[in-house]
Amino acid sequence: MHAMSTGTPQVETVSPTADKAKLAAAALLVVGGVAAYYVIKQADWIRWGALILLLLAAVATFFTSEPGKQLLAFGRDAWRETQKVVWPSRKEATQMTGYVFAFVVVMALFLWMTDKTLEWVLYDLVLGWKR
C-alpha cells in the first residue's frame, strides 16, 4: 500500500504574460537609457547617470521575471559546483603542463617527419621531380 501525503504539493504558477511584460519593460528601459544618453545635452555626469540608472532598472526588472530568476538559480548552482572542484596543487599543474608540452613537441616532430616522408615519396620517387 502506498502512503499518501496529506499536504498538497506547492505549485508555482507563472504568468507568461506578466513575464513577457517584464522582459518588454526591461528592453524598453535599455532603449530608454541609450536614448537618454544621446538626447540629454546637459553635463556628462547627468547623461551617464541617466544611462546607468535606466540600465540598473532594466537589470532589476529582468531579474524579477522568471527567466531572470532561472538565470540567478543557474548562477548559484554553478557557484556551488565550483566549490566542489578539487583543484590540482602547483606541483601537479606544473607536471601536467610539462607532459602536455612534451606531447605537443613529439607530435609536431612526428607530423613534420610524416610530411617530409610523404613529400619525398610523392615528388622524388613517384613523380621524379628533383629539386
N, C-alpha and C. Protein backbone atom coordinates (compact mmCIF):
# COMPACT_ATOMS: atom_id res chain seq x y z
N MET A 1 0.82 -1.16 0.00
CA MET A 1 0.00 0.00 0.00
C MET A 1 0.89 1.24 0.00
N HIS A 2 0.53 2.22 -0.77
CA HIS A 2 1.30 3.46 -0.86
C HIS A 2 0.79 4.47 0.16
N ALA A 3 1.74 5.10 0.81
CA ALA A 3 1.35 6.14 1.76
C ALA A 3 1.08 7.42 0.99
N MET A 4 -0.01 8.05 1.32
CA MET A 4 -0.38 9.29 0.63
C MET A 4 -0.07 10.46 1.54
N SER A 5 0.47 11.51 0.97
CA SER A 5 0.76 12.69 1.77
C SER A 5 -0.52 13.48 1.98
N THR A 6 -0.62 14.04 3.15
CA THR A 6 -1.83 14.79 3.47
C THR A 6 -1.76 16.21 2.95
N GLY A 7 -0.55 16.72 2.75
CA GLY A 7 -0.42 18.10 2.27
C GLY A 7 -0.50 18.15 0.76
N THR A 8 -0.91 19.28 0.27
CA THR A 8 -0.97 19.46 -1.18
C THR A 8 0.38 19.97 -1.65
N PRO A 9 0.83 19.50 -2.79
CA PRO A 9 2.13 19.96 -3.30
C PRO A 9 2.06 21.44 -3.67
N GLN A 10 3.18 22.10 -3.46
CA GLN A 10 3.26 23.52 -3.81
C GLN A 10 3.45 23.64 -5.32
N VAL A 11 2.55 24.33 -5.95
CA VAL A 11 2.62 24.54 -7.38
C VAL A 11 2.80 26.02 -7.62
N GLU A 12 3.88 26.36 -8.28
CA GLU A 12 4.13 27.77 -8.56
C GLU A 12 3.52 28.10 -9.91
N THR A 13 2.65 29.04 -9.92
CA THR A 13 2.05 29.46 -11.18
C THR A 13 2.76 30.71 -11.67
N VAL A 14 3.15 30.65 -12.90
CA VAL A 14 3.86 31.78 -13.50
C VAL A 14 3.02 32.27 -14.67
N SER A 15 2.78 33.54 -14.68
CA SER A 15 2.01 34.11 -15.77
C SER A 15 2.95 34.46 -16.91
N PRO A 16 2.81 33.78 -18.03
CA PRO A 16 3.69 34.09 -19.16
C PRO A 16 3.49 35.52 -19.65
N THR A 17 2.28 36.04 -19.51
CA THR A 17 2.01 37.41 -19.94
C THR A 17 2.77 38.39 -19.06
N ALA A 18 2.77 38.15 -17.75
CA ALA A 18 3.48 39.03 -16.84
C ALA A 18 4.98 38.98 -17.11
N ASP A 19 5.51 37.79 -17.38
CA ASP A 19 6.94 37.67 -17.69
C ASP A 19 7.28 38.40 -18.98
N LYS A 20 6.43 38.26 -19.99
CA LYS A 20 6.68 38.96 -21.25
C LYS A 20 6.64 40.46 -21.04
N ALA A 21 5.72 40.92 -20.19
CA ALA A 21 5.63 42.35 -19.91
C ALA A 21 6.89 42.83 -19.19
N LYS A 22 7.39 42.03 -18.25
CA LYS A 22 8.62 42.41 -17.53
C LYS A 22 9.82 42.45 -18.48
N LEU A 23 9.91 41.47 -19.36
CA LEU A 23 11.01 41.45 -20.32
C LEU A 23 10.90 42.62 -21.30
N ALA A 24 9.69 42.94 -21.73
CA ALA A 24 9.49 44.09 -22.62
C ALA A 24 9.85 45.38 -21.90
N ALA A 25 9.46 45.48 -20.62
CA ALA A 25 9.80 46.68 -19.85
C ALA A 25 11.30 46.81 -19.68
N ALA A 26 11.99 45.70 -19.45
CA ALA A 26 13.44 45.73 -19.32
C ALA A 26 14.08 46.19 -20.63
N ALA A 27 13.59 45.68 -21.74
CA ALA A 27 14.11 46.08 -23.05
C ALA A 27 13.86 47.57 -23.29
N LEU A 28 12.67 48.04 -22.95
CA LEU A 28 12.36 49.46 -23.12
C LEU A 28 13.24 50.33 -22.23
N LEU A 29 13.55 49.86 -21.03
CA LEU A 29 14.44 50.62 -20.15
C LEU A 29 15.85 50.71 -20.74
N VAL A 30 16.32 49.63 -21.36
CA VAL A 30 17.63 49.67 -22.00
C VAL A 30 17.61 50.67 -23.16
N VAL A 31 16.59 50.58 -24.00
CA VAL A 31 16.48 51.50 -25.13
C VAL A 31 16.34 52.94 -24.61
N GLY A 32 15.54 53.11 -23.55
CA GLY A 32 15.38 54.44 -22.97
C GLY A 32 16.68 54.99 -22.41
N GLY A 33 17.48 54.13 -21.80
CA GLY A 33 18.76 54.57 -21.26
C GLY A 33 19.71 55.03 -22.35
N VAL A 34 19.78 54.26 -23.43
CA VAL A 34 20.65 54.64 -24.54
C VAL A 34 20.13 55.93 -25.20
N ALA A 35 18.81 56.00 -25.38
CA ALA A 35 18.23 57.21 -25.98
C ALA A 35 18.47 58.42 -25.08
N ALA A 36 18.30 58.26 -23.77
CA ALA A 36 18.51 59.37 -22.85
C ALA A 36 19.96 59.85 -22.92
N TYR A 37 20.89 58.94 -23.05
CA TYR A 37 22.30 59.32 -23.15
C TYR A 37 22.54 60.25 -24.34
N TYR A 38 21.90 59.94 -25.46
CA TYR A 38 22.12 60.74 -26.66
C TYR A 38 21.24 61.98 -26.73
N VAL A 39 20.08 61.94 -26.06
CA VAL A 39 19.15 63.07 -26.13
C VAL A 39 19.52 64.17 -25.13
N ILE A 40 19.95 63.76 -23.94
CA ILE A 40 20.27 64.75 -22.90
C ILE A 40 21.53 65.51 -23.31
N LYS A 41 21.42 66.83 -23.30
CA LYS A 41 22.55 67.66 -23.72
C LYS A 41 23.16 68.40 -22.52
N GLN A 42 22.88 67.94 -21.29
CA GLN A 42 23.45 68.54 -20.08
C GLN A 42 24.88 68.03 -19.87
N ALA A 43 25.35 68.18 -18.67
CA ALA A 43 26.70 67.75 -18.31
C ALA A 43 26.83 66.23 -18.51
N ASP A 44 28.06 65.81 -18.73
CA ASP A 44 28.30 64.39 -18.96
C ASP A 44 27.86 63.52 -17.80
N TRP A 45 28.01 63.98 -16.57
CA TRP A 45 27.64 63.15 -15.43
C TRP A 45 26.14 62.92 -15.39
N ILE A 46 25.35 63.87 -15.91
CA ILE A 46 23.90 63.67 -15.96
C ILE A 46 23.56 62.63 -17.03
N ARG A 47 24.23 62.73 -18.19
CA ARG A 47 23.99 61.75 -19.26
C ARG A 47 24.34 60.35 -18.79
N TRP A 48 25.54 60.21 -18.20
CA TRP A 48 25.98 58.89 -17.72
C TRP A 48 25.09 58.41 -16.58
N GLY A 49 24.68 59.32 -15.72
CA GLY A 49 23.80 58.94 -14.60
C GLY A 49 22.48 58.39 -15.09
N ALA A 50 21.90 59.07 -16.09
CA ALA A 50 20.63 58.59 -16.65
C ALA A 50 20.80 57.22 -17.29
N LEU A 51 21.89 57.05 -18.05
CA LEU A 51 22.14 55.76 -18.69
C LEU A 51 22.30 54.65 -17.66
N ILE A 52 23.14 54.89 -16.66
CA ILE A 52 23.39 53.86 -15.65
C ILE A 52 22.14 53.57 -14.84
N LEU A 53 21.40 54.61 -14.47
CA LEU A 53 20.17 54.41 -13.69
C LEU A 53 19.15 53.57 -14.46
N LEU A 54 18.95 53.89 -15.73
CA LEU A 54 17.98 53.14 -16.52
C LEU A 54 18.47 51.71 -16.80
N LEU A 55 19.77 51.53 -16.99
CA LEU A 55 20.29 50.17 -17.18
C LEU A 55 20.15 49.34 -15.91
N LEU A 56 20.39 49.95 -14.75
CA LEU A 56 20.19 49.23 -13.49
C LEU A 56 18.72 48.87 -13.29
N ALA A 57 17.82 49.78 -13.67
CA ALA A 57 16.39 49.48 -13.58
C ALA A 57 16.02 48.33 -14.51
N ALA A 58 16.63 48.30 -15.70
CA ALA A 58 16.37 47.20 -16.64
C ALA A 58 16.84 45.88 -16.07
N VAL A 59 18.03 45.87 -15.47
CA VAL A 59 18.56 44.64 -14.88
C VAL A 59 17.66 44.18 -13.73
N ALA A 60 17.25 45.11 -12.88
CA ALA A 60 16.36 44.76 -11.76
C ALA A 60 15.04 44.21 -12.27
N THR A 61 14.50 44.81 -13.30
CA THR A 61 13.24 44.34 -13.88
C THR A 61 13.41 42.95 -14.47
N PHE A 62 14.52 42.73 -15.17
CA PHE A 62 14.78 41.42 -15.76
C PHE A 62 14.85 40.34 -14.69
N PHE A 63 15.53 40.64 -13.57
CA PHE A 63 15.71 39.62 -12.53
C PHE A 63 14.45 39.36 -11.72
N THR A 64 13.39 40.14 -11.93
CA THR A 64 12.12 39.82 -11.28
C THR A 64 11.28 38.89 -12.16
N SER A 65 11.68 38.72 -13.42
CA SER A 65 10.94 37.82 -14.31
C SER A 65 11.41 36.38 -14.09
N GLU A 66 10.66 35.44 -14.61
CA GLU A 66 11.01 34.03 -14.45
C GLU A 66 12.34 33.68 -15.12
N PRO A 67 12.61 34.15 -16.35
CA PRO A 67 13.94 33.87 -16.93
C PRO A 67 15.07 34.47 -16.08
N GLY A 68 14.84 35.62 -15.50
CA GLY A 68 15.85 36.22 -14.63
C GLY A 68 16.08 35.40 -13.38
N LYS A 69 15.00 34.90 -12.80
CA LYS A 69 15.12 34.05 -11.60
C LYS A 69 15.84 32.74 -11.95
N GLN A 70 15.55 32.20 -13.13
CA GLN A 70 16.22 30.98 -13.55
C GLN A 70 17.72 31.23 -13.78
N LEU A 71 18.05 32.40 -14.33
CA LEU A 71 19.45 32.75 -14.53
C LEU A 71 20.18 32.87 -13.20
N LEU A 72 19.54 33.49 -12.22
CA LEU A 72 20.14 33.59 -10.89
C LEU A 72 20.33 32.21 -10.26
N ALA A 73 19.31 31.35 -10.40
CA ALA A 73 19.42 29.99 -9.85
C ALA A 73 20.54 29.22 -10.53
N PHE A 74 20.68 29.38 -11.83
CA PHE A 74 21.76 28.73 -12.56
C PHE A 74 23.11 29.22 -12.05
N GLY A 75 23.23 30.53 -11.84
CA GLY A 75 24.48 31.09 -11.33
C GLY A 75 24.82 30.56 -9.95
N ARG A 76 23.81 30.45 -9.08
CA ARG A 76 24.04 29.89 -7.74
C ARG A 76 24.49 28.43 -7.83
N ASP A 77 23.82 27.67 -8.68
CA ASP A 77 24.20 26.25 -8.84
C ASP A 77 25.61 26.12 -9.41
N ALA A 78 25.95 26.96 -10.37
CA ALA A 78 27.29 26.92 -10.95
C ALA A 78 28.33 27.28 -9.90
N TRP A 79 28.04 28.26 -9.05
CA TRP A 79 28.99 28.63 -8.00
C TRP A 79 29.17 27.49 -7.00
N ARG A 80 28.06 26.83 -6.66
CA ARG A 80 28.14 25.68 -5.75
C ARG A 80 29.00 24.57 -6.34
N GLU A 81 28.87 24.35 -7.64
CA GLU A 81 29.66 23.31 -8.29
C GLU A 81 31.15 23.66 -8.29
N THR A 82 31.47 24.94 -8.48
CA THR A 82 32.89 25.31 -8.46
C THR A 82 33.49 25.12 -7.07
N GLN A 83 32.67 25.20 -6.04
CA GLN A 83 33.16 24.97 -4.69
C GLN A 83 33.50 23.50 -4.47
N LYS A 84 32.91 22.61 -5.27
CA LYS A 84 33.15 21.18 -5.12
C LYS A 84 34.40 20.70 -5.88
N VAL A 85 34.92 21.54 -6.76
CA VAL A 85 36.06 21.14 -7.58
C VAL A 85 37.30 20.97 -6.72
N VAL A 86 38.03 19.88 -6.96
CA VAL A 86 39.30 19.67 -6.29
C VAL A 86 40.38 20.15 -7.25
N TRP A 87 40.97 21.29 -6.91
CA TRP A 87 41.96 21.89 -7.79
C TRP A 87 43.31 21.22 -7.59
N PRO A 88 44.09 21.07 -8.66
CA PRO A 88 45.40 20.43 -8.52
C PRO A 88 46.37 21.35 -7.77
N SER A 89 47.35 20.72 -7.15
CA SER A 89 48.39 21.51 -6.48
C SER A 89 49.28 22.14 -7.54
N ARG A 90 50.13 23.05 -7.10
CA ARG A 90 51.04 23.70 -8.05
C ARG A 90 51.95 22.68 -8.72
N LYS A 91 52.44 21.71 -7.94
CA LYS A 91 53.33 20.68 -8.48
C LYS A 91 52.60 19.85 -9.54
N GLU A 92 51.35 19.43 -9.25
CA GLU A 92 50.59 18.64 -10.21
C GLU A 92 50.31 19.44 -11.48
N ALA A 93 49.96 20.71 -11.33
CA ALA A 93 49.67 21.53 -12.50
C ALA A 93 50.92 21.71 -13.36
N THR A 94 52.06 21.92 -12.71
CA THR A 94 53.32 22.08 -13.45
C THR A 94 53.68 20.79 -14.18
N GLN A 95 53.51 19.65 -13.52
CA GLN A 95 53.81 18.37 -14.16
C GLN A 95 52.91 18.14 -15.37
N MET A 96 51.63 18.37 -15.21
CA MET A 96 50.70 18.14 -16.32
C MET A 96 51.00 19.08 -17.49
N THR A 97 51.37 20.32 -17.18
CA THR A 97 51.74 21.27 -18.23
C THR A 97 52.98 20.77 -18.97
N GLY A 98 53.94 20.24 -18.24
CA GLY A 98 55.13 19.68 -18.86
C GLY A 98 54.80 18.50 -19.76
N TYR A 99 53.91 17.62 -19.29
CA TYR A 99 53.50 16.48 -20.11
C TYR A 99 52.85 16.94 -21.41
N VAL A 100 51.96 17.90 -21.30
CA VAL A 100 51.27 18.40 -22.50
C VAL A 100 52.28 19.03 -23.45
N PHE A 101 53.20 19.82 -22.94
CA PHE A 101 54.21 20.46 -23.78
C PHE A 101 55.06 19.42 -24.48
N ALA A 102 55.50 18.40 -23.75
CA ALA A 102 56.32 17.34 -24.35
C ALA A 102 55.53 16.60 -25.42
N PHE A 103 54.26 16.32 -25.17
CA PHE A 103 53.43 15.64 -26.16
C PHE A 103 53.30 16.48 -27.42
N VAL A 104 53.11 17.77 -27.27
CA VAL A 104 52.97 18.66 -28.44
C VAL A 104 54.26 18.65 -29.25
N VAL A 105 55.40 18.70 -28.59
CA VAL A 105 56.68 18.68 -29.31
C VAL A 105 56.86 17.36 -30.04
N VAL A 106 56.58 16.24 -29.38
CA VAL A 106 56.72 14.93 -30.03
C VAL A 106 55.75 14.82 -31.20
N MET A 107 54.52 15.27 -31.03
CA MET A 107 53.54 15.20 -32.12
C MET A 107 53.96 16.09 -33.28
N ALA A 108 54.48 17.28 -33.01
CA ALA A 108 54.94 18.17 -34.08
C ALA A 108 56.07 17.53 -34.86
N LEU A 109 57.01 16.91 -34.16
CA LEU A 109 58.11 16.22 -34.85
C LEU A 109 57.61 15.06 -35.70
N PHE A 110 56.67 14.29 -35.15
CA PHE A 110 56.10 13.17 -35.89
C PHE A 110 55.40 13.66 -37.16
N LEU A 111 54.59 14.70 -37.04
CA LEU A 111 53.88 15.20 -38.22
C LEU A 111 54.85 15.80 -39.24
N TRP A 112 55.90 16.46 -38.77
CA TRP A 112 56.89 17.02 -39.68
C TRP A 112 57.59 15.89 -40.44
N MET A 113 57.98 14.84 -39.70
CA MET A 113 58.65 13.70 -40.36
C MET A 113 57.71 13.01 -41.34
N THR A 114 56.47 12.84 -40.97
CA THR A 114 55.49 12.22 -41.87
C THR A 114 55.32 13.07 -43.13
N ASP A 115 55.21 14.38 -42.97
CA ASP A 115 55.06 15.28 -44.11
C ASP A 115 56.27 15.19 -45.04
N LYS A 116 57.46 15.23 -44.48
CA LYS A 116 58.68 15.18 -45.30
C LYS A 116 58.82 13.82 -46.00
N THR A 117 58.42 12.75 -45.30
CA THR A 117 58.49 11.41 -45.92
C THR A 117 57.53 11.31 -47.08
N LEU A 118 56.30 11.76 -46.89
CA LEU A 118 55.32 11.73 -47.98
C LEU A 118 55.75 12.63 -49.14
N GLU A 119 56.32 13.76 -48.81
CA GLU A 119 56.83 14.66 -49.86
C GLU A 119 57.92 13.98 -50.67
N TRP A 120 58.84 13.30 -50.00
CA TRP A 120 59.93 12.61 -50.68
C TRP A 120 59.39 11.48 -51.55
N VAL A 121 58.43 10.69 -50.98
CA VAL A 121 57.88 9.56 -51.75
C VAL A 121 57.14 10.07 -52.98
N LEU A 122 56.28 11.07 -52.82
CA LEU A 122 55.47 11.53 -53.95
C LEU A 122 56.28 12.29 -54.98
N TYR A 123 57.05 13.25 -54.55
CA TYR A 123 57.73 14.11 -55.53
C TYR A 123 59.00 13.50 -56.09
N ASP A 124 59.79 12.84 -55.25
CA ASP A 124 61.07 12.31 -55.74
C ASP A 124 60.91 10.92 -56.35
N LEU A 125 60.22 10.02 -55.67
CA LEU A 125 60.13 8.64 -56.18
C LEU A 125 59.05 8.46 -57.22
N VAL A 126 57.83 8.92 -56.93
CA VAL A 126 56.70 8.66 -57.83
C VAL A 126 56.75 9.56 -59.06
N LEU A 127 56.87 10.86 -58.84
CA LEU A 127 56.82 11.78 -59.96
C LEU A 127 58.20 12.08 -60.57
N GLY A 128 59.24 11.80 -59.83
CA GLY A 128 60.57 12.01 -60.34
C GLY A 128 60.97 13.47 -60.43
N TRP A 129 60.35 14.33 -59.68
CA TRP A 129 60.71 15.75 -59.68
C TRP A 129 61.86 15.96 -58.71
N LYS A 130 62.98 16.30 -59.23
CA LYS A 130 64.13 16.59 -58.37
C LYS A 130 64.20 18.09 -58.15
N ARG A 131 64.52 18.45 -56.95
CA ARG A 131 64.63 19.87 -56.64
C ARG A 131 66.01 20.36 -56.84
